[in-house]
């Protein structure tokens, strides 16, 4: 999907959205060659919203959003995933090759 959005100047279309296959967390899949069972766990969740050029209907009332006090947002909490592995070489990030200078 990253490549499709990049080709379309980062604009979501129905054609691109129709290509998305969403496998929910904890879906079990089996490797057909090795019979190894895998359980899917998403590492990142993204939501792409289509561009609306001419909104129709009644727009939402955002008065409550304007009164939100962000000082009550809690500080960062450790995700519990542990340290970054040091014995591996990262070659790709988000589908793009990492080029070291």
N, C-alpha and C. Protein backbone atom coordinates (compact mmCIF):
# COMPACT_ATOMS: atom_id res chain seq x y z
N UNK A 1 0.82 -1.18 0.00
CA UNK A 1 0.00 0.00 0.00
C UNK A 1 0.87 1.25 0.00
N UNK A 2 2.01 1.18 0.68
CA UNK A 2 2.94 2.31 0.73
C UNK A 2 3.32 2.72 -0.69
N UNK A 3 3.67 1.74 -1.52
CA UNK A 3 4.07 2.05 -2.90
C UNK A 3 2.91 2.63 -3.70
N UNK A 4 1.72 2.09 -3.52
CA UNK A 4 0.56 2.60 -4.24
C UNK A 4 0.27 4.05 -3.86
N UNK A 5 0.34 4.37 -2.57
CA UNK A 5 0.12 5.74 -2.13
C UNK A 5 1.21 6.67 -2.64
N UNK A 6 2.44 6.18 -2.62
CA UNK A 6 3.55 7.00 -3.12
C UNK A 6 3.36 7.32 -4.61
N UNK A 7 2.94 6.33 -5.39
CA UNK A 7 2.70 6.55 -6.82
C UNK A 7 1.56 7.54 -7.06
N UNK A 8 0.63 7.62 -6.11
CA UNK A 8 -0.54 8.49 -6.26
C UNK A 8 -0.39 9.78 -5.46
N UNK A 9 0.85 10.18 -5.18
CA UNK A 9 1.14 11.43 -4.46
C UNK A 9 0.45 11.48 -3.10
N UNK A 10 0.39 10.32 -2.41
CA UNK A 10 -0.11 10.17 -1.05
C UNK A 10 -1.59 10.50 -0.90
N UNK A 11 -2.35 10.30 -1.97
CA UNK A 11 -3.79 10.53 -1.92
C UNK A 11 -4.49 9.16 -1.99
N UNK A 12 -5.30 8.87 -0.97
CA UNK A 12 -6.04 7.61 -0.93
C UNK A 12 -7.21 7.69 -1.90
N UNK A 13 -7.37 6.63 -2.69
CA UNK A 13 -8.50 6.53 -3.60
C UNK A 13 -9.25 5.23 -3.32
N UNK A 14 -10.45 5.10 -3.87
CA UNK A 14 -11.19 3.85 -3.70
C UNK A 14 -10.43 2.69 -4.32
N UNK A 15 -9.76 2.93 -5.44
CA UNK A 15 -8.99 1.87 -6.11
C UNK A 15 -7.88 1.34 -5.21
N UNK A 16 -7.17 2.24 -4.53
CA UNK A 16 -6.11 1.81 -3.61
C UNK A 16 -6.72 1.13 -2.39
N UNK A 17 -7.78 1.70 -1.83
CA UNK A 17 -8.42 1.13 -0.64
C UNK A 17 -8.93 -0.27 -0.90
N UNK A 18 -9.38 -0.55 -2.12
CA UNK A 18 -9.89 -1.87 -2.45
C UNK A 18 -8.79 -2.94 -2.46
N UNK A 19 -7.53 -2.51 -2.53
CA UNK A 19 -6.40 -3.45 -2.54
C UNK A 19 -5.96 -3.86 -1.13
N UNK A 20 -6.46 -3.17 -0.13
CA UNK A 20 -6.03 -3.41 1.24
C UNK A 20 -6.64 -4.70 1.76
N UNK A 21 -5.80 -5.54 2.33
CA UNK A 21 -6.26 -6.75 3.00
C UNK A 21 -5.89 -6.60 4.46
N UNK A 22 -6.87 -6.59 5.32
CA UNK A 22 -6.63 -6.37 6.74
C UNK A 22 -6.82 -7.68 7.49
N UNK A 23 -5.72 -8.24 7.98
CA UNK A 23 -5.78 -9.46 8.78
C UNK A 23 -5.78 -9.04 10.25
N UNK A 24 -6.84 -9.35 10.98
CA UNK A 24 -6.92 -8.92 12.37
C UNK A 24 -5.85 -9.57 13.25
N UNK A 25 -5.52 -8.88 14.34
CA UNK A 25 -4.58 -9.42 15.32
C UNK A 25 -5.08 -10.77 15.82
N UNK A 26 -4.15 -11.65 16.12
CA UNK A 26 -4.37 -13.00 16.64
C UNK A 26 -4.92 -13.96 15.58
N UNK A 27 -4.89 -13.56 14.30
CA UNK A 27 -5.25 -14.48 13.22
C UNK A 27 -4.15 -15.53 13.12
N UNK A 28 -4.53 -16.80 13.06
CA UNK A 28 -3.55 -17.87 12.94
C UNK A 28 -3.39 -18.26 11.47
N UNK A 29 -2.13 -18.36 11.04
CA UNK A 29 -1.82 -18.80 9.67
C UNK A 29 -0.77 -19.91 9.76
N UNK A 30 -0.81 -20.82 8.78
CA UNK A 30 0.13 -21.95 8.77
C UNK A 30 0.93 -21.89 7.49
N UNK A 31 2.26 -22.01 7.62
CA UNK A 31 3.14 -22.08 6.46
C UNK A 31 2.87 -23.41 5.74
N UNK A 32 2.50 -23.33 4.46
CA UNK A 32 2.11 -24.53 3.71
C UNK A 32 3.28 -25.48 3.51
N UNK A 33 4.51 -24.97 3.52
CA UNK A 33 5.67 -25.84 3.28
C UNK A 33 6.22 -26.47 4.55
N UNK A 34 6.17 -25.75 5.67
CA UNK A 34 6.79 -26.24 6.91
C UNK A 34 5.78 -26.62 7.98
N UNK A 35 4.51 -26.32 7.78
CA UNK A 35 3.46 -26.56 8.77
C UNK A 35 3.67 -25.78 10.07
N UNK A 36 4.49 -24.72 10.03
CA UNK A 36 4.69 -23.89 11.22
C UNK A 36 3.50 -22.95 11.36
N UNK A 37 2.96 -22.91 12.59
CA UNK A 37 1.82 -22.05 12.89
C UNK A 37 2.32 -20.68 13.34
N UNK A 38 1.76 -19.63 12.76
CA UNK A 38 2.09 -18.26 13.15
C UNK A 38 0.82 -17.57 13.63
N UNK A 39 0.97 -16.68 14.60
CA UNK A 39 -0.14 -15.86 15.08
C UNK A 39 0.24 -14.42 14.78
N UNK A 40 -0.62 -13.72 14.03
CA UNK A 40 -0.31 -12.36 13.60
C UNK A 40 -0.47 -11.37 14.74
N UNK A 41 0.50 -10.47 14.84
CA UNK A 41 0.46 -9.39 15.81
C UNK A 41 0.89 -8.13 15.09
N UNK A 42 -0.01 -7.16 14.95
CA UNK A 42 0.35 -5.93 14.22
C UNK A 42 1.43 -5.16 14.97
N UNK A 43 2.40 -4.64 14.21
CA UNK A 43 3.44 -3.81 14.80
C UNK A 43 3.11 -2.33 14.69
N UNK A 44 2.28 -2.00 13.71
CA UNK A 44 1.92 -0.61 13.50
C UNK A 44 0.51 -0.57 12.91
N UNK A 45 -0.27 0.36 13.35
CA UNK A 45 -1.61 0.50 12.81
C UNK A 45 -1.70 1.89 12.18
N UNK A 46 -2.15 1.95 10.96
CA UNK A 46 -2.27 3.22 10.25
C UNK A 46 -3.69 3.38 9.73
N UNK A 47 -4.09 4.61 9.60
CA UNK A 47 -5.40 4.88 9.02
C UNK A 47 -5.20 5.98 8.00
N UNK A 48 -5.64 5.73 6.78
CA UNK A 48 -5.53 6.70 5.70
C UNK A 48 -6.92 7.22 5.38
N UNK A 49 -7.07 8.51 5.41
CA UNK A 49 -8.37 9.12 5.17
C UNK A 49 -8.39 9.71 3.77
N UNK A 50 -9.47 9.48 3.03
CA UNK A 50 -9.56 10.05 1.69
C UNK A 50 -9.74 11.57 1.75
N UNK A 51 -9.25 12.26 0.73
CA UNK A 51 -9.39 13.69 0.64
C UNK A 51 -10.83 14.04 0.25
N UNK A 52 -11.46 14.94 1.01
CA UNK A 52 -12.82 15.38 0.71
C UNK A 52 -12.74 16.84 0.28
N UNK A 53 -13.04 17.09 -0.98
CA UNK A 53 -12.93 18.45 -1.49
C UNK A 53 -14.19 19.27 -1.29
N UNK A 54 -15.35 18.63 -1.33
CA UNK A 54 -16.61 19.34 -1.16
C UNK A 54 -17.47 18.62 -0.12
N UNK A 55 -17.23 18.89 1.18
CA UNK A 55 -18.03 18.20 2.20
C UNK A 55 -19.49 18.59 2.11
N UNK A 56 -20.34 17.62 2.34
CA UNK A 56 -21.77 17.88 2.30
C UNK A 56 -22.38 17.56 3.66
N UNK A 57 -23.54 18.12 3.91
CA UNK A 57 -24.23 17.85 5.16
C UNK A 57 -23.77 18.78 6.26
N UNK A 58 -24.17 18.47 7.48
CA UNK A 58 -23.84 19.30 8.63
C UNK A 58 -22.46 18.95 9.14
N UNK A 59 -21.62 19.95 9.31
CA UNK A 59 -20.28 19.71 9.83
C UNK A 59 -20.35 19.47 11.34
N UNK A 60 -19.45 18.68 11.88
CA UNK A 60 -19.50 18.37 13.31
C UNK A 60 -19.20 19.60 14.17
N UNK A 61 -19.75 19.59 15.36
CA UNK A 61 -19.50 20.66 16.33
C UNK A 61 -18.21 20.32 17.06
N UNK A 62 -17.19 21.16 16.92
CA UNK A 62 -15.90 20.85 17.55
C UNK A 62 -15.64 21.69 18.80
N UNK A 63 -16.70 22.27 19.37
CA UNK A 63 -16.54 23.11 20.56
C UNK A 63 -15.91 22.33 21.71
N UNK A 64 -16.29 21.07 21.90
CA UNK A 64 -15.70 20.28 22.99
C UNK A 64 -14.21 20.03 22.75
N UNK A 65 -13.82 19.83 21.50
CA UNK A 65 -12.42 19.58 21.18
C UNK A 65 -11.57 20.81 21.48
N UNK A 66 -12.12 21.99 21.28
CA UNK A 66 -11.38 23.22 21.55
C UNK A 66 -11.12 23.41 23.04
N UNK A 67 -11.90 22.76 23.89
CA UNK A 67 -11.76 22.92 25.33
C UNK A 67 -10.89 21.83 25.97
N UNK A 68 -10.30 20.96 25.17
CA UNK A 68 -9.50 19.86 25.72
C UNK A 68 -8.24 20.40 26.38
N UNK A 69 -7.94 19.88 27.57
CA UNK A 69 -6.74 20.27 28.31
C UNK A 69 -5.68 19.19 28.11
N UNK A 70 -4.70 19.46 27.24
CA UNK A 70 -3.67 18.46 26.94
C UNK A 70 -2.65 18.31 28.06
N UNK A 71 -2.70 19.17 29.08
CA UNK A 71 -1.76 19.02 30.19
C UNK A 71 -2.08 17.77 31.02
N UNK A 72 -3.26 17.18 30.81
CA UNK A 72 -3.64 15.98 31.56
C UNK A 72 -3.21 14.70 30.86
N UNK A 73 -2.60 14.81 29.69
CA UNK A 73 -2.14 13.62 28.96
C UNK A 73 -0.97 13.01 29.72
N UNK A 74 -0.99 11.71 29.98
CA UNK A 74 0.08 11.09 30.77
C UNK A 74 1.41 11.08 30.02
N UNK A 75 2.50 10.96 30.78
CA UNK A 75 3.83 10.87 30.21
C UNK A 75 4.00 9.54 29.48
N UNK A 76 5.08 9.44 28.72
CA UNK A 76 5.41 8.22 27.98
C UNK A 76 5.49 7.03 28.93
N UNK A 77 4.94 5.90 28.49
CA UNK A 77 5.04 4.66 29.25
C UNK A 77 5.81 3.64 28.40
N UNK A 78 6.73 2.94 29.02
CA UNK A 78 7.53 1.95 28.31
C UNK A 78 6.62 0.91 27.68
N UNK A 79 6.90 0.55 26.43
CA UNK A 79 6.08 -0.39 25.68
C UNK A 79 6.34 -1.84 26.08
N UNK A 80 7.41 -2.12 26.80
CA UNK A 80 7.69 -3.47 27.28
C UNK A 80 8.21 -4.42 26.23
N UNK A 81 8.64 -3.91 25.08
CA UNK A 81 9.14 -4.78 24.02
C UNK A 81 10.62 -5.12 24.20
N UNK A 82 11.29 -4.49 25.16
CA UNK A 82 12.70 -4.79 25.38
C UNK A 82 13.60 -3.93 24.52
N UNK A 83 14.90 -4.21 24.62
CA UNK A 83 15.89 -3.45 23.87
C UNK A 83 15.88 -3.82 22.40
N UNK A 84 16.37 -2.91 21.56
CA UNK A 84 16.52 -3.17 20.14
C UNK A 84 17.61 -4.22 19.97
N UNK A 85 17.39 -5.26 19.16
CA UNK A 85 18.43 -6.27 18.97
C UNK A 85 19.71 -5.65 18.42
N UNK A 86 20.86 -6.13 18.90
CA UNK A 86 22.14 -5.58 18.44
C UNK A 86 22.85 -6.53 17.49
N UNK A 87 22.36 -7.74 17.34
CA UNK A 87 23.06 -8.73 16.52
C UNK A 87 22.43 -8.89 15.13
N UNK A 88 21.69 -7.89 14.67
CA UNK A 88 21.06 -7.95 13.35
C UNK A 88 21.37 -6.67 12.59
N UNK A 89 21.32 -6.74 11.27
CA UNK A 89 21.51 -5.57 10.43
C UNK A 89 20.17 -5.20 9.81
N UNK A 90 19.72 -3.98 10.04
CA UNK A 90 18.46 -3.52 9.48
C UNK A 90 18.71 -3.08 8.04
N UNK A 91 18.00 -3.70 7.11
CA UNK A 91 18.19 -3.41 5.70
C UNK A 91 17.06 -2.57 5.12
N UNK A 92 15.85 -2.70 5.70
CA UNK A 92 14.68 -2.00 5.18
C UNK A 92 13.88 -1.40 6.33
N UNK A 93 13.25 -0.27 6.06
CA UNK A 93 12.34 0.36 7.00
C UNK A 93 11.14 0.85 6.21
N UNK A 94 9.95 0.38 6.59
CA UNK A 94 8.71 0.72 5.91
C UNK A 94 8.78 0.40 4.43
N UNK A 95 9.44 -0.71 4.09
CA UNK A 95 9.51 -1.17 2.70
C UNK A 95 10.58 -0.49 1.87
N UNK A 96 11.33 0.44 2.45
CA UNK A 96 12.37 1.14 1.68
C UNK A 96 13.75 0.72 2.18
N UNK A 97 14.72 0.54 1.27
CA UNK A 97 16.06 0.16 1.69
C UNK A 97 16.72 1.29 2.50
N UNK A 98 17.46 0.90 3.52
CA UNK A 98 18.19 1.87 4.32
C UNK A 98 19.57 2.04 3.68
N UNK A 99 19.90 3.27 3.38
CA UNK A 99 21.19 3.57 2.74
C UNK A 99 22.04 4.29 3.76
N UNK A 100 23.19 3.70 4.08
CA UNK A 100 24.10 4.32 5.03
C UNK A 100 25.09 5.20 4.28
N UNK A 101 25.35 6.37 4.83
CA UNK A 101 26.29 7.31 4.19
C UNK A 101 27.72 6.94 4.52
